[in-house]
Amino acid sequence: VLLVAQRQRPPELAGLWELPGGKVAPGESEADALVRELRE
């Protein structure tokens, strides 16, 4: 089974489902960014 997350914002995406994650910060590796975002 796959974990999916339902967005609460922005309004045009609220209620839709996604793979959770977020933006990679400057100087951050993609893996580090993903670890940080999923922790948050």
PDB file of all heavy atoms in Angstrom:
ATOM      1  N   VAL A   1       0.854  -1.193   0.000  1.00  0.00           N
ATOM      2  CA  VAL A   1       0.000   0.000   0.000  1.00  0.00           C
ATOM      3  C   VAL A   1       0.887   1.240   0.000  1.00  0.00           C
ATOM      4  O   VAL A   1       2.039   1.207   0.451  1.00  0.00           O
ATOM      5  CB  VAL A   1      -0.997   0.045   1.184  1.00  0.00           C
ATOM      6  CG1 VAL A   1      -2.126  -0.961   0.971  1.00  0.00           C
ATOM      7  CG2 VAL A   1      -0.296  -0.172   2.511  1.00  0.00           C
ATOM      8  N   LEU A   2       0.322   2.338  -0.531  1.00  0.00           N
ATOM      9  CA  LEU A   2       1.038   3.592  -0.698  1.00  0.00           C
ATOM     10  C   LEU A   2       0.419   4.658   0.196  1.00  0.00           C
ATOM     11  O   LEU A   2      -0.806   4.780   0.263  1.00  0.00           O
ATOM     12  CB  LEU A   2       0.920   4.046  -2.161  1.00  0.00           C
ATOM     13  CG  LEU A   2       1.376   5.463  -2.497  1.00  0.00           C
ATOM     14  CD1 LEU A   2       2.904   5.568  -2.473  1.00  0.00           C
ATOM     15  CD2 LEU A   2       0.839   5.892  -3.865  1.00  0.00           C
ATOM     16  N   LEU A   3       1.272   5.437   0.857  1.00  0.00           N
ATOM     17  CA  LEU A   3       0.774   6.552   1.654  1.00  0.00           C
ATOM     18  C   LEU A   3       0.463   7.739   0.753  1.00  0.00           C
ATOM     19  O   LEU A   3       1.321   8.193  -0.005  1.00  0.00           O
ATOM     20  CB  LEU A   3       1.804   6.976   2.696  1.00  0.00           C
ATOM     21  CG  LEU A   3       1.277   8.064   3.636  1.00  0.00           C
ATOM     22  CD1 LEU A   3       0.343   7.485   4.686  1.00  0.00           C
ATOM     23  CD2 LEU A   3       2.407   8.844   4.268  1.00  0.00           C
ATOM     24  N   VAL A   4      -0.765   8.247   0.830  1.00  0.00           N
ATOM     25  CA  VAL A   4      -1.145   9.443   0.089  1.00  0.00           C
ATOM     26  C   VAL A   4      -1.661  10.490   1.073  1.00  0.00           C
ATOM     27  O   VAL A   4      -2.166  10.155   2.144  1.00  0.00           O
ATOM     28  CB  VAL A   4      -2.203   9.148  -1.000  1.00  0.00           C
ATOM     29  CG1 VAL A   4      -1.605   8.275  -2.102  1.00  0.00           C
ATOM     30  CG2 VAL A   4      -3.439   8.495  -0.417  1.00  0.00           C
ATOM     31  N   ALA A   5      -1.497  11.761   0.707  1.00  0.00           N
ATOM     32  CA  ALA A   5      -1.834  12.863   1.600  1.00  0.00           C
ATOM     33  C   ALA A   5      -2.794  13.812   0.893  1.00  0.00           C
ATOM     34  O   ALA A   5      -2.612  14.137  -0.275  1.00  0.00           O
ATOM     35  CB  ALA A   5      -0.557  13.603   2.002  1.00  0.00           C
ATOM     36  N   GLN A   6      -3.810  14.236   1.621  1.00  0.00           N
ATOM     37  CA  GLN A   6      -4.837  15.112   1.045  1.00  0.00           C
ATOM     38  C   GLN A   6      -4.521  16.573   1.355  1.00  0.00           C
ATOM     39  O   GLN A   6      -4.388  16.957   2.520  1.00  0.00           O
ATOM     40  CB  GLN A   6      -6.219  14.760   1.606  1.00  0.00           C
ATOM     41  CG  GLN A   6      -7.348  15.485   0.903  1.00  0.00           C
ATOM     42  CD  GLN A   6      -8.705  15.093   1.462  1.00  0.00           C
ATOM     43  OE1 GLN A   6      -8.864  14.898   2.660  1.00  0.00           O
ATOM     44  NE2 GLN A   6      -9.689  14.982   0.592  1.00  0.00           N
ATOM     45  N   ARG A   7      -4.401  17.379   0.329  1.00  0.00           N
ATOM     46  CA  ARG A   7      -4.022  18.784   0.496  1.00  0.00           C
ATOM     47  C   ARG A   7      -5.148  19.593   1.125  1.00  0.00           C
ATOM     48  O   ARG A   7      -6.313  19.360   0.853  1.00  0.00           O
ATOM     49  CB  ARG A   7      -3.648  19.401  -0.851  1.00  0.00           C
ATOM     50  CG  ARG A   7      -2.377  18.822  -1.423  1.00  0.00           C
ATOM     51  CD  ARG A   7      -1.864  19.666  -2.549  1.00  0.00           C
ATOM     52  NE  ARG A   7      -1.413  20.973  -2.074  1.00  0.00           N
ATOM     53  CZ  ARG A   7      -0.160  21.427  -2.212  1.00  0.00           C
ATOM     54  NH1 ARG A   7       0.764  20.689  -2.793  1.00  0.00           N
ATOM     55  NH2 ARG A   7       0.168  22.620  -1.777  1.00  0.00           N
ATOM     56  N   GLN A   8      -4.763  20.563   1.968  1.00  0.00           N
ATOM     57  CA  GLN A   8      -5.772  21.505   2.456  1.00  0.00           C
ATOM     58  C   GLN A   8      -5.609  22.883   1.840  1.00  0.00           C
ATOM     59  O   GLN A   8      -6.447  23.760   2.006  1.00  0.00           O
ATOM     60  CB  GLN A   8      -5.801  21.577   3.975  1.00  0.00           C
ATOM     61  CG  GLN A   8      -4.497  21.652   4.711  1.00  0.00           C
ATOM     62  CD  GLN A   8      -4.715  21.460   6.212  1.00  0.00           C
ATOM     63  OE1 GLN A   8      -5.835  21.234   6.659  1.00  0.00           O
ATOM     64  NE2 GLN A   8      -3.657  21.534   6.989  1.00  0.00           N
ATOM     65  N   ARG A   9      -4.515  23.096   1.090  1.00  0.00           N
ATOM     66  CA  ARG A   9      -4.297  24.356   0.385  1.00  0.00           C
ATOM     67  C   ARG A   9      -3.351  24.120  -0.777  1.00  0.00           C
ATOM     68  O   ARG A   9      -2.687  23.089  -0.800  1.00  0.00           O
ATOM     69  CB  ARG A   9      -3.718  25.405   1.355  1.00  0.00           C
ATOM     70  CG  ARG A   9      -2.382  24.983   1.944  1.00  0.00           C
ATOM     71  CD  ARG A   9      -1.811  26.038   2.890  1.00  0.00           C
ATOM     72  NE  ARG A   9      -0.457  25.634   3.256  1.00  0.00           N
ATOM     73  CZ  ARG A   9      -0.190  24.806   4.263  1.00  0.00           C
ATOM     74  NH1 ARG A   9      -1.153  24.318   5.003  1.00  0.00           N
ATOM     75  NH2 ARG A   9       1.059  24.462   4.514  1.00  0.00           N
ATOM     76  N   PRO A  10      -3.246  25.032  -1.740  1.00  0.00           N
ATOM     77  CA  PRO A  10      -4.091  26.213  -1.958  1.00  0.00           C
ATOM     78  C   PRO A  10      -5.504  25.795  -2.369  1.00  0.00           C
ATOM     79  O   PRO A  10      -5.741  24.612  -2.633  1.00  0.00           O
ATOM     80  CB  PRO A  10      -3.368  26.930  -3.100  1.00  0.00           C
ATOM     81  CG  PRO A  10      -2.716  25.836  -3.874  1.00  0.00           C
ATOM     82  CD  PRO A  10      -2.295  24.822  -2.835  1.00  0.00           C
ATOM     83  N   PRO A  11      -6.438  26.753  -2.432  1.00  0.00           N
ATOM     84  CA  PRO A  11      -7.837  26.407  -2.696  1.00  0.00           C
ATOM     85  C   PRO A  11      -8.050  25.526  -3.932  1.00  0.00           C
ATOM     86  O   PRO A  11      -8.871  24.614  -3.902  1.00  0.00           O
ATOM     87  CB  PRO A  11      -8.505  27.780  -2.885  1.00  0.00           C
ATOM     88  CG  PRO A  11      -7.667  28.726  -2.097  1.00  0.00           C
ATOM     89  CD  PRO A  11      -6.255  28.204  -2.160  1.00  0.00           C
ATOM     90  N   GLU A  12      -7.269  25.767  -4.983  1.00  0.00           N
ATOM     91  CA  GLU A  12      -7.492  24.995  -6.220  1.00  0.00           C
ATOM     92  C   GLU A  12      -7.022  23.540  -6.102  1.00  0.00           C
ATOM     93  O   GLU A  12      -7.383  22.701  -6.913  1.00  0.00           O
ATOM     94  CB  GLU A  12      -6.838  25.685  -7.422  1.00  0.00           C
ATOM     95  CG  GLU A  12      -5.324  25.763  -7.387  1.00  0.00           C
ATOM     96  CD  GLU A  12      -4.795  27.013  -6.686  1.00  0.00           C
ATOM     97  OE1 GLU A  12      -5.577  27.685  -5.953  1.00  0.00           O
ATOM     98  OE2 GLU A  12      -3.604  27.312  -6.855  1.00  0.00           O
ATOM     99  N   LEU A  13      -6.216  23.235  -5.070  1.00  0.00           N
ATOM    100  CA  LEU A  13      -5.752  21.857  -4.876  1.00  0.00           C
ATOM    101  C   LEU A  13      -6.334  21.231  -3.611  1.00  0.00           C
ATOM    102  O   LEU A  13      -6.127  20.048  -3.359  1.00  0.00           O
ATOM    103  CB  LEU A  13      -4.218  21.819  -4.795  1.00  0.00           C
ATOM    104  CG  LEU A  13      -3.458  22.229  -6.061  1.00  0.00           C
ATOM    105  CD1 LEU A  13      -1.958  22.179  -5.814  1.00  0.00           C
ATOM    106  CD2 LEU A  13      -3.840  21.363  -7.254  1.00  0.00           C
ATOM    107  N   ALA A  14      -7.052  21.995  -2.819  1.00  0.00           N
ATOM    108  CA  ALA A  14      -7.599  21.488  -1.559  1.00  0.00           C
ATOM    109  C   ALA A  14      -8.532  20.307  -1.829  1.00  0.00           C
ATOM    110  O   ALA A  14      -9.366  20.357  -2.730  1.00  0.00           O
ATOM    111  CB  ALA A  14      -8.344  22.589  -0.813  1.00  0.00           C
ATOM    112  N   GLY A  15      -8.361  19.245  -1.055  1.00  0.00           N
ATOM    113  CA  GLY A  15      -9.197  18.058  -1.224  1.00  0.00           C
ATOM    114  C   GLY A  15      -8.611  17.035  -2.180  1.00  0.00           C
ATOM    115  O   GLY A  15      -9.076  15.901  -2.227  1.00  0.00           O
ATOM    116  N   LEU A  16      -7.576  17.440  -2.939  1.00  0.00           N
ATOM    117  CA  LEU A  16      -6.927  16.492  -3.848  1.00  0.00           C
ATOM    118  C   LEU A  16      -5.773  15.786  -3.128  1.00  0.00           C
ATOM    119  O   LEU A  16      -5.255  16.274  -2.126  1.00  0.00           O
ATOM    120  CB  LEU A  16      -6.410  17.225  -5.100  1.00  0.00           C
ATOM    121  CG  LEU A  16      -7.482  17.935  -5.929  1.00  0.00           C
ATOM    122  CD1 LEU A  16      -6.855  18.636  -7.130  1.00  0.00           C
ATOM    123  CD2 LEU A  16      -8.554  16.962  -6.391  1.00  0.00           C
ATOM    124  N   TRP A  17      -5.388  14.645  -3.658  1.00  0.00           N
ATOM    125  CA  TRP A  17      -4.381  13.797  -3.015  1.00  0.00           C
ATOM    126  C   TRP A  17      -3.051  13.885  -3.746  1.00  0.00           C
ATOM    127  O   TRP A  17      -3.002  14.068  -4.960  1.00  0.00           O
ATOM    128  CB  TRP A  17      -4.886  12.358  -2.969  1.00  0.00           C
ATOM    129  CG  TRP A  17      -6.100  12.230  -2.105  1.00  0.00           C
ATOM    130  CD1 TRP A  17      -7.396  12.513  -2.462  1.00  0.00           C
ATOM    131  CD2 TRP A  17      -6.146  11.834  -0.735  1.00  0.00           C
ATOM    132  NE1 TRP A  17      -8.244  12.305  -1.385  1.00  0.00           N
ATOM    133  CE2 TRP A  17      -7.504  11.888  -0.321  1.00  0.00           C
ATOM    134  CE3 TRP A  17      -5.174  11.426   0.201  1.00  0.00           C
ATOM    135  CZ2 TRP A  17      -7.907  11.552   0.973  1.00  0.00           C
ATOM    136  CZ3 TRP A  17      -5.577  11.086   1.482  1.00  0.00           C
ATOM    137  CH2 TRP A  17      -6.935  11.157   1.868  1.00  0.00           C
ATOM    138  N   GLU A  18      -1.971  13.711  -2.984  1.00  0.00           N
ATOM    139  CA  GLU A  18      -0.630  13.836  -3.543  1.00  0.00           C
ATOM    140  C   GLU A  18       0.343  12.927  -2.810  1.00  0.00           C
ATOM    141  O   GLU A  18       0.043  12.390  -1.740  1.00  0.00           O
ATOM    142  CB  GLU A  18      -0.146  15.284  -3.421  1.00  0.00           C
ATOM    143  CG  GLU A  18       0.101  15.712  -1.975  1.00  0.00           C
ATOM    144  CD  GLU A  18       0.704  17.105  -1.840  1.00  0.00           C
ATOM    145  OE1 GLU A  18       0.953  17.756  -2.872  1.00  0.00           O
ATOM    146  OE2 GLU A  18       0.919  17.533  -0.685  1.00  0.00           O
ATOM    147  N   LEU A  19       1.526  12.802  -3.398  1.00  0.00           N
ATOM    148  CA  LEU A  19       2.672  12.282  -2.668  1.00  0.00           C
ATOM    149  C   LEU A  19       3.247  13.462  -1.887  1.00  0.00           C
ATOM    150  O   LEU A  19       3.516  14.513  -2.475  1.00  0.00           O
ATOM    151  CB  LEU A  19       3.736  11.732  -3.625  1.00  0.00           C
ATOM    152  CG  LEU A  19       3.331  10.552  -4.507  1.00  0.00           C
ATOM    153  CD1 LEU A  19       4.530  10.096  -5.344  1.00  0.00           C
ATOM    154  CD2 LEU A  19       2.771   9.389  -3.704  1.00  0.00           C
ATOM    155  N   PRO A  20       3.420  13.324  -0.562  1.00  0.00           N
ATOM    156  CA  PRO A  20       3.885  14.455   0.234  1.00  0.00           C
ATOM    157  C   PRO A  20       5.336  14.814  -0.076  1.00  0.00           C
ATOM    158  O   PRO A  20       6.119  13.987  -0.532  1.00  0.00           O
ATOM    159  CB  PRO A  20       3.738  13.958   1.671  1.00  0.00           C
ATOM    160  CG  PRO A  20       3.775  12.473   1.571  1.00  0.00           C
ATOM    161  CD  PRO A  20       3.168  12.128   0.244  1.00  0.00           C
ATOM    162  N   GLY A  21       5.698  16.062   0.186  1.00  0.00           N
ATOM    163  CA  GLY A  21       7.059  16.521  -0.062  1.00  0.00           C
ATOM    164  C   GLY A  21       7.116  18.023  -0.053  1.00  0.00           C
ATOM    165  O   GLY A  21       6.269  18.681   0.545  1.00  0.00           O
ATOM    166  N   GLY A  22       8.125  18.572  -0.721  1.00  0.00           N
ATOM    167  CA  GLY A  22       8.250  20.017  -0.746  1.00  0.00           C
ATOM    168  C   GLY A  22       9.490  20.472  -1.487  1.00  0.00           C
ATOM    169  O   GLY A  22      10.172  19.680  -2.134  1.00  0.00           O
ATOM    170  N   LYS A  23       9.771  21.762  -1.366  1.00  0.00           N
ATOM    171  CA  LYS A  23      10.838  22.387  -2.145  1.00  0.00           C
ATOM    172  C   LYS A  23      12.222  22.088  -1.571  1.00  0.00           C
ATOM    173  O   LYS A  23      12.400  22.052  -0.356  1.00  0.00           O
ATOM    174  CB  LYS A  23      10.625  23.901  -2.199  1.00  0.00           C
ATOM    175  CG  LYS A  23       9.402  24.301  -2.997  1.00  0.00           C
ATOM    176  CD  LYS A  23       9.184  25.805  -2.965  1.00  0.00           C
ATOM    177  CE  LYS A  23       7.982  26.178  -3.830  1.00  0.00           C
ATOM    178  NZ  LYS A  23       7.638  27.607  -3.700  1.00  0.00           N
ATOM    179  N   VAL A  24      13.166  21.917  -2.481  1.00  0.00           N
ATOM    180  CA  VAL A  24      14.566  21.767  -2.100  1.00  0.00           C
ATOM    181  C   VAL A  24      15.135  23.165  -1.864  1.00  0.00           C
ATOM    182  O   VAL A  24      15.043  24.043  -2.721  1.00  0.00           O
ATOM    183  CB  VAL A  24      15.367  21.050  -3.211  1.00  0.00           C
ATOM    184  CG1 VAL A  24      16.834  20.914  -2.818  1.00  0.00           C
ATOM    185  CG2 VAL A  24      14.760  19.678  -3.509  1.00  0.00           C
ATOM    186  N   ALA A  25      15.708  23.368  -0.678  1.00  0.00           N
ATOM    187  CA  ALA A  25      16.297  24.669  -0.345  1.00  0.00           C
ATOM    188  C   ALA A  25      17.667  24.812  -1.004  1.00  0.00           C
ATOM    189  O   ALA A  25      18.319  23.812  -1.318  1.00  0.00           O
ATOM    190  CB  ALA A  25      16.413  24.810   1.175  1.00  0.00           C
ATOM    191  N   PRO A  26      18.120  26.053  -1.212  1.00  0.00           N
ATOM    192  CA  PRO A  26      19.456  26.264  -1.793  1.00  0.00           C
ATOM    193  C   PRO A  26      20.531  25.557  -0.964  1.00  0.00           C
ATOM    194  O   PRO A  26      20.525  25.645   0.263  1.00  0.00           O
ATOM    195  CB  PRO A  26      19.636  27.786  -1.723  1.00  0.00           C
ATOM    196  CG  PRO A  26      18.257  28.341  -1.689  1.00  0.00           C
ATOM    197  CD  PRO A  26      17.429  27.334  -0.962  1.00  0.00           C
ATOM    198  N   GLY A  27      21.410  24.836  -1.636  1.00  0.00           N
ATOM    199  CA  GLY A  27      22.495  24.150  -0.947  1.00  0.00           C
ATOM    200  C   GLY A  27      22.112  22.835  -0.288  1.00  0.00           C
ATOM    201  O   GLY A  27      22.944  22.168   0.309  1.00  0.00           O
ATOM    202  N   GLU A  28      20.855  22.456  -0.396  1.00  0.00           N
ATOM    203  CA  GLU A  28      20.359  21.229   0.229  1.00  0.00           C
ATOM    204  C   GLU A  28      20.292  20.122  -0.819  1.00  0.00           C
ATOM    205  O   GLU A  28      19.929  20.371  -1.959  1.00  0.00           O
ATOM    206  CB  GLU A  28      18.959  21.516   0.786  1.00  0.00           C
ATOM    207  CG  GLU A  28      18.359  20.442   1.653  1.00  0.00           C
ATOM    208  CD  GLU A  28      16.990  20.856   2.211  1.00  0.00           C
ATOM    209  OE1 GLU A  28      16.200  21.503   1.485  1.00  0.00           O
ATOM    210  OE2 GLU A  28      16.706  20.511   3.353  1.00  0.00           O
ATOM    211  N   SER A  29      20.645  18.900  -0.458  1.00  0.00           N
ATOM    212  CA  SER A  29      20.488  17.799  -1.404  1.00  0.00           C
ATOM    213  C   SER A  29      19.012  17.426  -1.502  1.00  0.00           C
ATOM    214  O   SER A  29      18.222  17.728  -0.602  1.00  0.00           O
ATOM    215  CB  SER A  29      21.301  16.578  -0.959  1.00  0.00           C
ATOM    216  OG  SER A  29      20.654  15.926   0.123  1.00  0.00           O
ATOM    217  N   GLU A  30      18.645  16.778  -2.595  1.00  0.00           N
ATOM    218  CA  GLU A  30      17.239  16.375  -2.760  1.00  0.00           C
ATOM    219  C   GLU A  30      16.815  15.405  -1.663  1.00  0.00           C
ATOM    220  O   GLU A  30      15.725  15.501  -1.115  1.00  0.00           O
ATOM    221  CB  GLU A  30      17.033  15.775  -4.152  1.00  0.00           C
ATOM    222  CG  GLU A  30      17.178  16.839  -5.232  1.00  0.00           C
ATOM    223  CD  GLU A  30      17.051  16.287  -6.641  1.00  0.00           C
ATOM    224  OE1 GLU A  30      16.567  15.157  -6.815  1.00  0.00           O
ATOM    225  OE2 GLU A  30      17.446  16.999  -7.585  1.00  0.00           O
ATOM    226  N   ALA A  31      17.715  14.479  -1.316  1.00  0.00           N
ATOM    227  CA  ALA A  31      17.387  13.510  -0.260  1.00  0.00           C
ATOM    228  C   ALA A  31      17.197  14.205   1.082  1.00  0.00           C
ATOM    229  O   ALA A  31      16.242  13.917   1.811  1.00  0.00           O
ATOM    230  CB  ALA A  31      18.478  12.441  -0.165  1.00  0.00           C
ATOM    231  N   ASP A  32      18.089  15.138   1.397  1.00  0.00           N
ATOM    232  CA  ASP A  32      17.964  15.868   2.667  1.00  0.00           C
ATOM    233  C   ASP A  32      16.668  16.671   2.717  1.00  0.00           C
ATOM    234  O   ASP A  32      16.011  16.752   3.754  1.00  0.00           O
ATOM    235  CB  ASP A  32      19.151  16.816   2.866  1.00  0.00           C
ATOM    236  CG  ASP A  32      20.437  16.079   3.252  1.00  0.00           C
ATOM    237  OD1 ASP A  32      20.365  14.882   3.592  1.00  0.00           O
ATOM    238  OD2 ASP A  32      21.509  16.709   3.199  1.00  0.00           O
ATOM    239  N   ALA A  33      16.324  17.279   1.588  1.00  0.00           N
ATOM    240  CA  ALA A  33      15.087  18.056   1.522  1.00  0.00           C
ATOM    241  C   ALA A  33      13.875  17.168   1.765  1.00  0.00           C
ATOM    242  O   ALA A  33      12.955  17.543   2.501  1.00  0.00           O
ATOM    243  CB  ALA A  33      14.970  18.741   0.162  1.00  0.00           C
ATOM    244  N   LEU A  34      13.890  15.989   1.169  1.00  0.00           N
ATOM    245  CA  LEU A  34      12.748  15.089   1.314  1.00  0.00           C
ATOM    246  C   LEU A  34      12.625  14.592   2.753  1.00  0.00           C
ATOM    247  O   LEU A  34      11.529  14.546   3.314  1.00  0.00           O
ATOM    248  CB  LEU A  34      12.881  13.929   0.324  1.00  0.00           C
ATOM    249  CG  LEU A  34      11.647  13.059   0.123  1.00  0.00           C
ATOM    250  CD1 LEU A  34      10.382  13.876  -0.130  1.00  0.00           C
ATOM    251  CD2 LEU A  34      11.881  12.075  -1.024  1.00  0.00           C
ATOM    252  N   VAL A  35      13.754  14.250   3.363  1.00  0.00           N
ATOM    253  CA  VAL A  35      13.747  13.845   4.778  1.00  0.00           C
ATOM    254  C   VAL A  35      13.171  14.973   5.643  1.00  0.00           C
ATOM    255  O   VAL A  35      12.304  14.740   6.488  1.00  0.00           O
ATOM    256  CB  VAL A  35      15.167  13.446   5.241  1.00  0.00           C
ATOM    257  CG1 VAL A  35      15.230  13.319   6.765  1.00  0.00           C
ATOM    258  CG2 VAL A  35      15.588  12.135   4.580  1.00  0.00           C
ATOM    259  N   ARG A  36      13.641  16.194   5.411  1.00  0.00           N
ATOM    260  CA  ARG A  36      13.181  17.340   6.194  1.00  0.00           C
ATOM    261  C   ARG A  36      11.687  17.602   5.993  1.00  0.00           C
ATOM    262  O   ARG A  36      10.932  17.783   6.954  1.00  0.00           O
ATOM    263  CB  ARG A  36      13.994  18.588   5.798  1.00  0.00           C
ATOM    264  CG  ARG A  36      13.537  19.869   6.482  1.00  0.00           C
ATOM    265  CD  ARG A  36      14.333  21.087   6.005  1.00  0.00           C
ATOM    266  NE  ARG A  36      14.357  21.246   4.553  1.00  0.00           N
ATOM    267  CZ  ARG A  36      13.335  21.697   3.818  1.00  0.00           C
ATOM    268  NH1 ARG A  36      12.171  22.002   4.382  1.00  0.00           N
ATOM    269  NH2 ARG A  36      13.451  21.829   2.504  1.00  0.00           N
ATOM    270  N   GLU A  37      11.258  17.599   4.735  1.00  0.00           N
ATOM    271  CA  GLU A  37       9.850  17.886   4.446  1.00  0.00           C
ATOM    272  C   GLU A  37       8.918  16.823   5.031  1.00  0.00           C
ATOM    273  O   GLU A  37       7.858  17.144   5.566  1.00  0.00           O
ATOM    274  CB  GLU A  37       9.627  17.997   2.930  1.00  0.00           C
ATOM    275  CG  GLU A  37      10.193  19.271   2.318  1.00  0.00           C
ATOM    276  CD  GLU A  37       9.323  20.501   2.594  1.00  0.00           C
ATOM    277  OE1 GLU A  37       8.197  20.353   3.097  1.00  0.00           O
ATOM    278  OE2 GLU A  37       9.794  21.621   2.296  1.00  0.00           O
ATOM    279  N   LEU A  38       9.306  15.549   4.920  1.00  0.00           N
ATOM    280  CA  LEU A  38       8.422  14.498   5.436  1.00  0.00           C
ATOM    281  C   LEU A  38       8.413  14.480   6.961  1.00  0.00           C
ATOM    282  O   LEU A  38       7.413  14.135   7.579  1.00  0.00           O
ATOM    283  CB  LEU A  38       8.800  13.132   4.857  1.00  0.00           C
ATOM    284  CG  LEU A  38       8.629  13.017   3.337  1.00  0.00           C
ATOM    285  CD1 LEU A  38       8.814  11.580   2.878  1.00  0.00           C
ATOM    286  CD2 LEU A  38       7.294  13.549   2.859  1.00  0.00           C
ATOM    287  N   ARG A  39       9.524  14.901   7.567  1.00  0.00           N
ATOM    288  CA  ARG A  39       9.534  15.044   9.024  1.00  0.00           C
ATOM    289  C   ARG A  39       8.564  16.150   9.433  1.00  0.00           C
ATOM    290  O   ARG A  39       7.786  16.000  10.380  1.00  0.00           O
ATOM    291  CB  ARG A  39      10.955  15.357   9.501  1.00  0.00           C
ATOM    292  CG  ARG A  39      11.130  15.279  11.018  1.00  0.00           C
ATOM    293  CD  ARG A  39      12.581  15.565  11.383  1.00  0.00           C
ATOM    294  NE  ARG A  39      13.446  14.455  11.018  1.00  0.00           N
ATOM    295  CZ  ARG A  39      14.723  14.583  10.631  1.00  0.00           C
ATOM    296  NH1 ARG A  39      15.265  15.791  10.531  1.00  0.00           N
ATOM    297  NH2 ARG A  39      15.438  13.522  10.337  1.00  0.00           N
ATOM    298  N   GLU A  40       8.591  17.277   8.690  1.00  0.00           N
ATOM    299  CA  GLU A  40       7.703  18.406   9.010  1.00  0.00           C
ATOM    300  C   GLU A  40       6.244  18.069   8.740  1.00  0.00           C
ATOM    301  O   GLU A  40       5.359  18.396   9.532  1.00  0.00           O
ATOM    302  CB  GLU A  40       8.095  19.633   8.177  1.00  0.00           C
ATOM    303  CG  GLU A  40       9.423  20.265   8.590  1.00  0.00           C
ATOM    304  CD  GLU A  40       9.893  21.325   7.596  1.00  0.00           C
ATOM    305  OE1 GLU A  40       9.132  21.681   6.662  1.00  0.00           O
ATOM    306  OE2 GLU A  40      11.043  21.790   7.734  1.00  0.00           O
TER     307      GLU A  40
END
